[in-house]
C-alpha atoms as a PDB file:
ATOM      1  CA  UNK A   1    -150.934 -46.609  31.894  1.00  0.00           C
ATOM      2  CA  UNK A   2    -147.942 -45.391  33.823  1.00  0.00           C
ATOM      3  CA  UNK A   3    -148.504 -42.235  35.920  1.00  0.00           C
ATOM      4  CA  UNK A   4    -144.921 -41.039  35.930  1.00  0.00           C
ATOM      5  CA  UNK A   5    -141.990 -41.028  33.534  1.00  0.00           C
ATOM      6  CA  UNK A   6    -138.365 -41.119  34.607  1.00  0.00           C
ATOM      7  CA  UNK A   7    -135.736 -39.758  32.233  1.00  0.00           C
ATOM      8  CA  UNK A   8    -132.241 -39.704  33.666  1.00  0.00           C
ATOM      9  CA  UNK A   9    -132.386 -37.544  36.785  1.00  0.00           C
ATOM     10  CA  UNK A  10    -135.782 -36.047  35.952  1.00  0.00           C
ATOM     11  CA  UNK A  11    -139.130 -37.469  36.923  1.00  0.00           C
ATOM     12  CA  UNK A  12    -142.329 -36.227  35.323  1.00  0.00           C
ATOM     13  CA  UNK A  13    -145.869 -37.022  36.323  1.00  0.00           C
ATOM     14  CA  UNK A  14    -148.924 -36.645  34.177  1.00  0.00           C
ATOM     15  CA  UNK A  15    -150.215 -34.008  36.599  1.00  0.00           C
ATOM     16  CA  UNK A  16    -147.006 -31.960  36.156  1.00  0.00           C
ATOM     17  CA  UNK A  17    -147.336 -32.193  32.388  1.00  0.00           C
ATOM     18  CA  UNK A  18    -150.965 -31.030  32.507  1.00  0.00           C
ATOM     19  CA  UNK A  19    -150.146 -28.052  34.731  1.00  0.00           C
ATOM     20  CA  UNK A  20    -147.238 -27.096  32.475  1.00  0.00           C
ATOM     21  CA  UNK A  21    -149.382 -27.415  29.348  1.00  0.00           C
ATOM     22  CA  UNK A  22    -152.145 -25.258  30.830  1.00  0.00           C
ATOM     23  CA  UNK A  23    -149.598 -22.658  31.954  1.00  0.00           C
ATOM     24  CA  UNK A  24    -148.085 -22.435  28.478  1.00  0.00           C
ATOM     25  CA  UNK A  25    -151.573 -22.251  26.960  1.00  0.00           C
ATOM     26  CA  UNK A  26    -152.538 -19.289  29.163  1.00  0.00           C
ATOM     27  CA  UNK A  27    -149.251 -17.479  28.524  1.00  0.00           C
ATOM     28  CA  UNK A  28    -149.617 -18.071  24.796  1.00  0.00           C
ATOM     29  CA  UNK A  29    -153.176 -16.752  24.814  1.00  0.00           C
ATOM     30  CA  UNK A  30    -152.049 -13.612  26.650  1.00  0.00           C
ATOM     31  CA  UNK A  31    -149.168 -12.982  24.258  1.00  0.00           C
ATOM     32  CA  UNK A  32    -151.424 -13.629  21.269  1.00  0.00           C
ATOM     33  CA  UNK A  33    -154.084 -11.232  22.548  1.00  0.00           C
ATOM     34  CA  UNK A  34    -151.479  -8.540  23.174  1.00  0.00           C
ATOM     35  CA  UNK A  35    -149.960  -8.971  19.716  1.00  0.00           C
ATOM     36  CA  UNK A  36    -153.401  -8.917  18.094  1.00  0.00           C
ATOM     37  CA  UNK A  37    -154.220  -5.670  19.865  1.00  0.00           C
ATOM     38  CA  UNK A  38    -150.912  -4.093  18.901  1.00  0.00           C
ATOM     39  CA  UNK A  39    -151.093  -5.163  15.249  1.00  0.00           C
ATOM     40  CA  UNK A  40    -154.674  -4.087  14.556  1.00  0.00           C
ATOM     41  CA  UNK A  41    -155.059  -1.026  12.363  1.00  0.00           C
ATOM     42  CA  UNK A  42    -156.063   1.477  15.042  1.00  0.00           C
ATOM     43  CA  UNK A  43    -154.710   4.905  15.693  1.00  0.00           C
ATOM     44  CA  UNK A  44    -152.414   5.488  18.673  1.00  0.00           C
ATOM     45  CA  UNK A  45    -155.022   7.141  20.912  1.00  0.00           C
ATOM     46  CA  UNK A  46    -157.610   4.457  20.095  1.00  0.00           C
ATOM     47  CA  UNK A  47    -155.110   1.705  20.826  1.00  0.00           C
ATOM     48  CA  UNK A  48    -154.046   3.243  24.143  1.00  0.00           C
ATOM     49  CA  UNK A  49    -157.690   3.703  25.146  1.00  0.00           C
ATOM     50  CA  UNK A  50    -158.451   0.092  24.234  1.00  0.00           C
ATOM     51  CA  UNK A  51    -155.439  -1.231  26.153  1.00  0.00           C
ATOM     52  CA  UNK A  52    -156.290   0.930  29.171  1.00  0.00           C
ATOM     53  CA  UNK A  53    -159.899  -0.306  29.155  1.00  0.00           C
ATOM     54  CA  UNK A  54    -158.823  -3.970  28.942  1.00  0.00           C
ATOM     55  CA  UNK A  55    -156.299  -3.442  31.744  1.00  0.00           C
ATOM     56  CA  UNK A  56    -158.917  -1.820  33.978  1.00  0.00           C
ATOM     57  CA  UNK A  57    -161.396  -4.625  33.254  1.00  0.00           C
ATOM     58  CA  UNK A  58    -158.806  -7.250  34.131  1.00  0.00           C
ATOM     59  CA  UNK A  59    -157.827  -5.372  37.311  1.00  0.00           C
ATOM     60  CA  UNK A  60    -161.500  -5.135  38.353  1.00  0.00           C
ATOM     61  CA  UNK A  61    -162.018  -8.851  37.695  1.00  0.00           C
ATOM     62  CA  UNK A  62    -158.979  -9.749  39.812  1.00  0.00           C
ATOM     63  CA  UNK A  63    -160.191  -7.392  42.558  1.00  0.00           C
ATOM     64  CA  UNK A  64    -163.612  -9.045  42.605  1.00  0.00           C
ATOM     65  CA  UNK A  65    -162.048 -12.510  42.693  1.00  0.00           C
ATOM     66  CA  UNK A  66    -159.760 -11.472  45.541  1.00  0.00           C
ATOM     67  CA  UNK A  67    -162.692 -10.029  47.470  1.00  0.00           C
ATOM     68  CA  UNK A  68    -164.703 -13.231  47.050  1.00  0.00           C
ATOM     69  CA  UNK A  69    -161.727 -15.365  48.082  1.00  0.00           C
ATOM     70  CA  UNK A  70    -161.220 -13.193  51.171  1.00  0.00           C
ATOM     71  CA  UNK A  71    -164.875 -13.519  52.152  1.00  0.00           C
ATOM     72  CA  UNK A  72    -164.725 -17.299  51.732  1.00  0.00           C
ATOM     73  CA  UNK A  73    -161.544 -17.470  53.801  1.00  0.00           C
ATOM     74  CA  UNK A  74    -163.178 -15.434  56.580  1.00  0.00           C
ATOM     75  CA  UNK A  75    -166.219 -17.726  56.566  1.00  0.00           C
ATOM     76  CA  UNK A  76    -163.992 -20.801  56.760  1.00  0.00           C
ATOM     77  CA  UNK A  77    -162.007 -19.233  59.604  1.00  0.00           C
ATOM     78  CA  UNK A  78    -165.196 -18.536  61.547  1.00  0.00           C
ATOM     79  CA  UNK A  79    -166.483 -22.081  60.969  1.00  0.00           C
ATOM     80  CA  UNK A  80    -163.145 -23.465  62.108  1.00  0.00           C
ATOM     81  CA  UNK A  81    -163.248 -21.320  65.249  1.00  0.00           C
ATOM     82  CA  UNK A  82    -166.799 -22.508  65.969  1.00  0.00           C
ATOM     83  CA  UNK A  83    -165.801 -26.139  65.506  1.00  0.00           C
ATOM     84  CA  UNK A  84    -162.781 -25.654  67.775  1.00  0.00           C
ATOM     85  CA  UNK A  85    -164.904 -24.112  70.539  1.00  0.00           C
ATOM     86  CA  UNK A  86    -167.463 -26.936  70.256  1.00  0.00           C
ATOM     87  CA  UNK A  87    -164.668 -29.497  70.491  1.00  0.00           C
ATOM     88  CA  UNK A  88    -163.283 -27.752  73.589  1.00  0.00           C
ATOM     89  CA  UNK A  89    -166.714 -27.868  75.230  1.00  0.00           C
ATOM     90  CA  UNK A  90    -167.086 -31.573  74.481  1.00  0.00           C
ATOM     91  CA  UNK A  91    -163.582 -32.423  75.689  1.00  0.00           C
ATOM     92  CA  UNK A  92    -163.713 -30.257  78.846  1.00  0.00           C
ATOM     93  CA  UNK A  93    -165.454 -32.863  81.056  1.00  0.00           C
ATOM     94  CA  UNK A  94    -162.990 -35.552  79.996  1.00  0.00           C
ATOM     95  CA  UNK A  95    -160.078 -33.212  80.585  1.00  0.00           C
ATOM     96  CA  UNK A  96    -161.421 -32.365  84.039  1.00  0.00           C
ATOM     97  CA  UNK A  97    -161.734 -36.067  84.918  1.00  0.00           C
ATOM     98  CA  UNK A  98    -158.205 -36.781  83.712  1.00  0.00           C
ATOM     99  CA  UNK A  99    -156.783 -33.963  85.818  1.00  0.00           C
ATOM    100  CA  UNK A 100    -158.523 -35.268  88.954  1.00  0.00           C
ATOM    101  CA  UNK A 101    -157.110 -38.763  88.643  1.00  0.00           C
END
């Protein structure tokens, strides 16, 4: 099976098509959920309360995800710094010998 398709000036890969399809799926799900909420037979105050609650839940979920990603990034940074300092220690004798010669 061919991994990419060339049409005129445009070149598509299967990966690009999958990412585009998933993006459209997520956008469509969001629009559908919003329309379903707006078209349900609820009163104005109930609808606003429901929308506010869903918004706050989504904001909290994104905040938690961001916090976890930040913690992971900090851990990776620390591990990278540790590896760099270990590499410096191992290379120091060789560097010293090269400078002397």
